[in-house]
Amino acid sequence: MAVPGMTVATAAQIGGTTAIKVSRW
């Protein structure tokens, strides 16, 4: 998430999970 320009939605796609889980993590 510290990568410049990273969004929760993009992180979720990269991590193969949901945006809610990314937000929690």
PDB file of all heavy atoms in Angstrom:
ATOM      1  N   MET A   1       0.817  -1.216   0.000  1.00  0.00           N
ATOM      2  CA  MET A   1       0.000   0.000   0.000  1.00  0.00           C
ATOM      3  C   MET A   1       0.854   1.272   0.000  1.00  0.00           C
ATOM      4  O   MET A   1       0.375   2.342  -0.371  1.00  0.00           O
ATOM      5  CB  MET A   1      -0.946   0.008   1.204  1.00  0.00           C
ATOM      6  CG  MET A   1      -2.057  -1.022   1.119  1.00  0.00           C
ATOM      7  SD  MET A   1      -3.078  -0.872  -0.384  1.00  0.00           S
ATOM      8  CE  MET A   1      -3.757   0.770  -0.174  1.00  0.00           C
ATOM      9  N   ALA A   2       2.126   1.162   0.371  1.00  0.00           N
ATOM     10  CA  ALA A   2       3.014   2.326   0.395  1.00  0.00           C
ATOM     11  C   ALA A   2       3.555   2.672  -0.992  1.00  0.00           C
ATOM     12  O   ALA A   2       4.156   3.735  -1.176  1.00  0.00           O
ATOM     13  CB  ALA A   2       4.170   2.078   1.364  1.00  0.00           C
ATOM     14  N   VAL A   3       3.344   1.794  -1.958  1.00  0.00           N
ATOM     15  CA  VAL A   3       3.785   2.081  -3.319  1.00  0.00           C
ATOM     16  C   VAL A   3       3.022   3.309  -3.819  1.00  0.00           C
ATOM     17  O   VAL A   3       1.782   3.343  -3.738  1.00  0.00           O
ATOM     18  CB  VAL A   3       3.541   0.867  -4.251  1.00  0.00           C
ATOM     19  CG1 VAL A   3       3.811   1.227  -5.706  1.00  0.00           C
ATOM     20  CG2 VAL A   3       4.378  -0.314  -3.812  1.00  0.00           C
ATOM     21  N   PRO A   4       3.738   4.333  -4.307  1.00  0.00           N
ATOM     22  CA  PRO A   4       3.052   5.546  -4.798  1.00  0.00           C
ATOM     23  C   PRO A   4       2.006   5.199  -5.867  1.00  0.00           C
ATOM     24  O   PRO A   4       2.284   4.444  -6.797  1.00  0.00           O
ATOM     25  CB  PRO A   4       4.192   6.384  -5.391  1.00  0.00           C
ATOM     26  CG  PRO A   4       5.418   5.920  -4.654  1.00  0.00           C
ATOM     27  CD  PRO A   4       5.199   4.454  -4.407  1.00  0.00           C
ATOM     28  N   GLY A   5       0.802   5.719  -5.665  1.00  0.00           N
ATOM     29  CA  GLY A   5      -0.287   5.508  -6.603  1.00  0.00           C
ATOM     30  C   GLY A   5      -1.079   4.234  -6.360  1.00  0.00           C
ATOM     31  O   GLY A   5      -2.075   3.976  -7.055  1.00  0.00           O
ATOM     32  N   MET A   6      -0.683   3.416  -5.381  1.00  0.00           N
ATOM     33  CA  MET A   6      -1.387   2.160  -5.113  1.00  0.00           C
ATOM     34  C   MET A   6      -2.754   2.463  -4.519  1.00  0.00           C
ATOM     35  O   MET A   6      -2.898   3.298  -3.640  1.00  0.00           O
ATOM     36  CB  MET A   6      -0.584   1.297  -4.131  1.00  0.00           C
ATOM     37  CG  MET A   6      -1.227  -0.047  -3.820  1.00  0.00           C
ATOM     38  SD  MET A   6      -1.461  -1.134  -5.260  1.00  0.00           S
ATOM     39  CE  MET A   6       0.242  -1.415  -5.756  1.00  0.00           C
ATOM     40  N   THR A   7      -3.749   1.780  -5.008  1.00  0.00           N
ATOM     41  CA  THR A   7      -5.098   1.898  -4.447  1.00  0.00           C
ATOM     42  C   THR A   7      -5.461   0.575  -3.783  1.00  0.00           C
ATOM     43  O   THR A   7      -4.852  -0.469  -4.059  1.00  0.00           O
ATOM     44  CB  THR A   7      -6.130   2.207  -5.542  1.00  0.00           C
ATOM     45  OG1 THR A   7      -6.207   1.085  -6.437  1.00  0.00           O
ATOM     46  CG2 THR A   7      -5.790   3.480  -6.306  1.00  0.00           C
ATOM     47  N   VAL A   8      -6.462   0.623  -2.940  1.00  0.00           N
ATOM     48  CA  VAL A   8      -6.935  -0.591  -2.279  1.00  0.00           C
ATOM     49  C   VAL A   8      -7.429  -1.583  -3.322  1.00  0.00           C
ATOM     50  O   VAL A   8      -7.160  -2.785  -3.237  1.00  0.00           O
ATOM     51  CB  VAL A   8      -8.028  -0.254  -1.238  1.00  0.00           C
ATOM     52  CG1 VAL A   8      -8.678  -1.518  -0.704  1.00  0.00           C
ATOM     53  CG2 VAL A   8      -7.441   0.564  -0.094  1.00  0.00           C
ATOM     54  N   ALA A   9      -8.141  -1.079  -4.336  1.00  0.00           N
ATOM     55  CA  ALA A   9      -8.672  -1.962  -5.381  1.00  0.00           C
ATOM     56  C   ALA A   9      -7.540  -2.646  -6.150  1.00  0.00           C
ATOM     57  O   ALA A   9      -7.610  -3.846  -6.439  1.00  0.00           O
ATOM     58  CB  ALA A   9      -9.558  -1.172  -6.333  1.00  0.00           C
ATOM     59  N   THR A  10      -6.495  -1.903  -6.476  1.00  0.00           N
ATOM     60  CA  THR A  10      -5.361  -2.492  -7.193  1.00  0.00           C
ATOM     61  C   THR A  10      -4.634  -3.500  -6.312  1.00  0.00           C
ATOM     62  O   THR A  10      -4.260  -4.585  -6.766  1.00  0.00           O
ATOM     63  CB  THR A  10      -4.386  -1.392  -7.660  1.00  0.00           C
ATOM     64  OG1 THR A  10      -5.106  -0.491  -8.512  1.00  0.00           O
ATOM     65  CG2 THR A  10      -3.218  -1.975  -8.421  1.00  0.00           C
ATOM     66  N   ALA A  11      -4.446  -3.164  -5.045  1.00  0.00           N
ATOM     67  CA  ALA A  11      -3.796  -4.088  -4.111  1.00  0.00           C
ATOM     68  C   ALA A  11      -4.609  -5.370  -3.975  1.00  0.00           C
ATOM     69  O   ALA A  11      -4.048  -6.463  -3.904  1.00  0.00           O
ATOM     70  CB  ALA A  11      -3.612  -3.418  -2.753  1.00  0.00           C
ATOM     71  N   ALA A  12      -5.924  -5.242  -3.966  1.00  0.00           N
ATOM     72  CA  ALA A  12      -6.784  -6.423  -3.875  1.00  0.00           C
ATOM     73  C   ALA A  12      -6.595  -7.321  -5.089  1.00  0.00           C
ATOM     74  O   ALA A  12      -6.524  -8.546  -4.959  1.00  0.00           O
ATOM     75  CB  ALA A  12      -8.248  -6.013  -3.736  1.00  0.00           C
ATOM     76  N   GLN A  13      -6.507  -6.712  -6.271  1.00  0.00           N
ATOM     77  CA  GLN A  13      -6.273  -7.492  -7.495  1.00  0.00           C
ATOM     78  C   GLN A  13      -4.918  -8.187  -7.441  1.00  0.00           C
ATOM     79  O   GLN A  13      -4.804  -9.366  -7.755  1.00  0.00           O
ATOM     80  CB  GLN A  13      -6.355  -6.588  -8.735  1.00  0.00           C
ATOM     81  CG  GLN A  13      -7.747  -6.175  -9.101  1.00  0.00           C
ATOM     82  CD  GLN A  13      -8.587  -7.367  -9.540  1.00  0.00           C
ATOM     83  OE1 GLN A  13      -8.139  -8.201 -10.315  1.00  0.00           O
ATOM     84  NE2 GLN A  13      -9.801  -7.450  -9.025  1.00  0.00           N
ATOM     85  N   ILE A  14      -3.901  -7.457  -7.011  1.00  0.00           N
ATOM     86  CA  ILE A  14      -2.552  -8.023  -6.922  1.00  0.00           C
ATOM     87  C   ILE A  14      -2.520  -9.166  -5.909  1.00  0.00           C
ATOM     88  O   ILE A  14      -1.924 -10.220  -6.143  1.00  0.00           O
ATOM     89  CB  ILE A  14      -1.526  -6.928  -6.548  1.00  0.00           C
ATOM     90  CG1 ILE A  14      -1.373  -5.944  -7.706  1.00  0.00           C
ATOM     91  CG2 ILE A  14      -0.187  -7.548  -6.158  1.00  0.00           C
ATOM     92  CD1 ILE A  14      -0.571  -4.702  -7.356  1.00  0.00           C
ATOM     93  N   GLY A  15      -3.175  -8.952  -4.776  1.00  0.00           N
ATOM     94  CA  GLY A  15      -3.159  -9.939  -3.704  1.00  0.00           C
ATOM     95  C   GLY A  15      -4.192 -11.037  -3.840  1.00  0.00           C
ATOM     96  O   GLY A  15      -4.224 -11.969  -3.023  1.00  0.00           O
ATOM     97  N   GLY A  16      -5.050 -10.935  -4.833  1.00  0.00           N
ATOM     98  CA  GLY A  16      -6.059 -11.973  -5.039  1.00  0.00           C
ATOM     99  C   GLY A  16      -7.084 -12.043  -3.916  1.00  0.00           C
ATOM    100  O   GLY A  16      -7.498 -13.121  -3.511  1.00  0.00           O
ATOM    101  N   THR A  17      -7.488 -10.883  -3.435  1.00  0.00           N
ATOM    102  CA  THR A  17      -8.443 -10.843  -2.329  1.00  0.00           C
ATOM    103  C   THR A  17      -9.421  -9.693  -2.549  1.00  0.00           C
ATOM    104  O   THR A  17      -9.484  -9.129  -3.632  1.00  0.00           O
ATOM    105  CB  THR A  17      -7.700 -10.733  -0.973  1.00  0.00           C
ATOM    106  OG1 THR A  17      -8.631 -10.947   0.074  1.00  0.00           O
ATOM    107  CG2 THR A  17      -6.986  -9.417  -0.810  1.00  0.00           C
ATOM    108  N   THR A  18     -10.163  -9.361  -1.523  1.00  0.00           N
ATOM    109  CA  THR A  18     -11.146  -8.279  -1.632  1.00  0.00           C
ATOM    110  C   THR A  18     -10.571  -6.981  -1.067  1.00  0.00           C
ATOM    111  O   THR A  18      -9.625  -6.985  -0.268  1.00  0.00           O
ATOM    112  CB  THR A  18     -12.414  -8.630  -0.836  1.00  0.00           C
ATOM    113  OG1 THR A  18     -12.088  -8.707   0.552  1.00  0.00           O
ATOM    114  CG2 THR A  18     -13.018  -9.937  -1.323  1.00  0.00           C
ATOM    115  N   ALA A  19     -11.178  -5.885  -1.485  1.00  0.00           N
ATOM    116  CA  ALA A  19     -10.755  -4.575  -0.986  1.00  0.00           C
ATOM    117  C   ALA A  19     -10.952  -4.472   0.530  1.00  0.00           C
ATOM    118  O   ALA A  19     -10.151  -3.852   1.220  1.00  0.00           O
ATOM    119  CB  ALA A  19     -11.521  -3.471  -1.710  1.00  0.00           C
ATOM    120  N   ILE A  20     -12.013  -5.094   1.027  1.00  0.00           N
ATOM    121  CA  ILE A  20     -12.267  -5.060   2.477  1.00  0.00           C
ATOM    122  C   ILE A  20     -11.110  -5.710   3.231  1.00  0.00           C
ATOM    123  O   ILE A  20     -10.632  -5.185   4.238  1.00  0.00           O
ATOM    124  CB  ILE A  20     -13.602  -5.756   2.813  1.00  0.00           C
ATOM    125  CG1 ILE A  20     -14.763  -4.926   2.264  1.00  0.00           C
ATOM    126  CG2 ILE A  20     -13.751  -5.989   4.304  1.00  0.00           C
ATOM    127  CD1 ILE A  20     -16.108  -5.619   2.324  1.00  0.00           C
ATOM    128  N   LYS A  21     -10.647  -6.858   2.748  1.00  0.00           N
ATOM    129  CA  LYS A  21      -9.530  -7.538   3.412  1.00  0.00           C
ATOM    130  C   LYS A  21      -8.247  -6.716   3.315  1.00  0.00           C
ATOM    131  O   LYS A  21      -7.470  -6.655   4.270  1.00  0.00           O
ATOM    132  CB  LYS A  21      -9.330  -8.937   2.847  1.00  0.00           C
ATOM    133  CG  LYS A  21     -10.430  -9.888   3.269  1.00  0.00           C
ATOM    134  CD  LYS A  21     -10.169 -11.289   2.778  1.00  0.00           C
ATOM    135  CE  LYS A  21     -11.306 -12.208   3.217  1.00  0.00           C
ATOM    136  NZ  LYS A  21     -11.106 -13.575   2.743  1.00  0.00           N
ATOM    137  N   VAL A  22      -8.023  -6.097   2.187  1.00  0.00           N
ATOM    138  CA  VAL A  22      -6.836  -5.245   2.043  1.00  0.00           C
ATOM    139  C   VAL A  22      -6.898  -4.113   3.056  1.00  0.00           C
ATOM    140  O   VAL A  22      -5.906  -3.810   3.729  1.00  0.00           O
ATOM    141  CB  VAL A  22      -6.706  -4.681   0.614  1.00  0.00           C
ATOM    142  CG1 VAL A  22      -5.589  -3.648   0.536  1.00  0.00           C
ATOM    143  CG2 VAL A  22      -6.466  -5.797  -0.381  1.00  0.00           C
ATOM    144  N   SER A  23      -8.062  -3.498   3.192  1.00  0.00           N
ATOM    145  CA  SER A  23      -8.214  -2.409   4.156  1.00  0.00           C
ATOM    146  C   SER A  23      -7.929  -2.891   5.572  1.00  0.00           C
ATOM    147  O   SER A  23      -7.248  -2.214   6.346  1.00  0.00           O
ATOM    148  CB  SER A  23      -9.623  -1.819   4.091  1.00  0.00           C
ATOM    149  OG  SER A  23      -9.826  -1.187   2.851  1.00  0.00           O
ATOM    150  N   ARG A  24      -8.442  -4.061   5.917  1.00  0.00           N
ATOM    151  CA  ARG A  24      -8.185  -4.602   7.259  1.00  0.00           C
ATOM    152  C   ARG A  24      -6.707  -4.874   7.477  1.00  0.00           C
ATOM    153  O   ARG A  24      -6.151  -4.545   8.513  1.00  0.00           O
ATOM    154  CB  ARG A  24      -8.999  -5.880   7.475  1.00  0.00           C
ATOM    155  CG  ARG A  24     -10.461  -5.624   7.678  1.00  0.00           C
ATOM    156  CD  ARG A  24     -11.205  -6.924   7.906  1.00  0.00           C
ATOM    157  NE  ARG A  24     -12.631  -6.685   7.940  1.00  0.00           N
ATOM    158  CZ  ARG A  24     -13.542  -7.578   7.651  1.00  0.00           C
ATOM    159  NH1 ARG A  24     -13.181  -8.805   7.304  1.00  0.00           N
ATOM    160  NH2 ARG A  24     -14.821  -7.291   7.707  1.00  0.00           N
ATOM    161  N   TRP A  25      -6.078  -5.526   6.487  1.00  0.00           N
ATOM    162  CA  TRP A  25      -4.653  -5.826   6.625  1.00  0.00           C
ATOM    163  C   TRP A  25      -3.832  -4.552   6.717  1.00  0.00           C
ATOM    164  O   TRP A  25      -2.906  -4.464   7.532  1.00  0.00           O
ATOM    165  CB  TRP A  25      -4.149  -6.662   5.450  1.00  0.00           C
ATOM    166  CG  TRP A  25      -4.398  -8.125   5.584  1.00  0.00           C
ATOM    167  CD1 TRP A  25      -5.227  -8.874   4.804  1.00  0.00           C
ATOM    168  CD2 TRP A  25      -3.840  -9.034   6.536  1.00  0.00           C
ATOM    169  NE1 TRP A  25      -5.216 -10.184   5.219  1.00  0.00           N
ATOM    170  CE2 TRP A  25      -4.362 -10.318   6.283  1.00  0.00           C
ATOM    171  CE3 TRP A  25      -2.943  -8.895   7.590  1.00  0.00           C
ATOM    172  CZ2 TRP A  25      -4.020 -11.432   7.023  1.00  0.00           C
ATOM    173  CZ3 TRP A  25      -2.599 -10.010   8.333  1.00  0.00           C
ATOM    174  CH2 TRP A  25      -3.133 -11.261   8.048  1.00  0.00           C
TER     175      TRP A  25
END
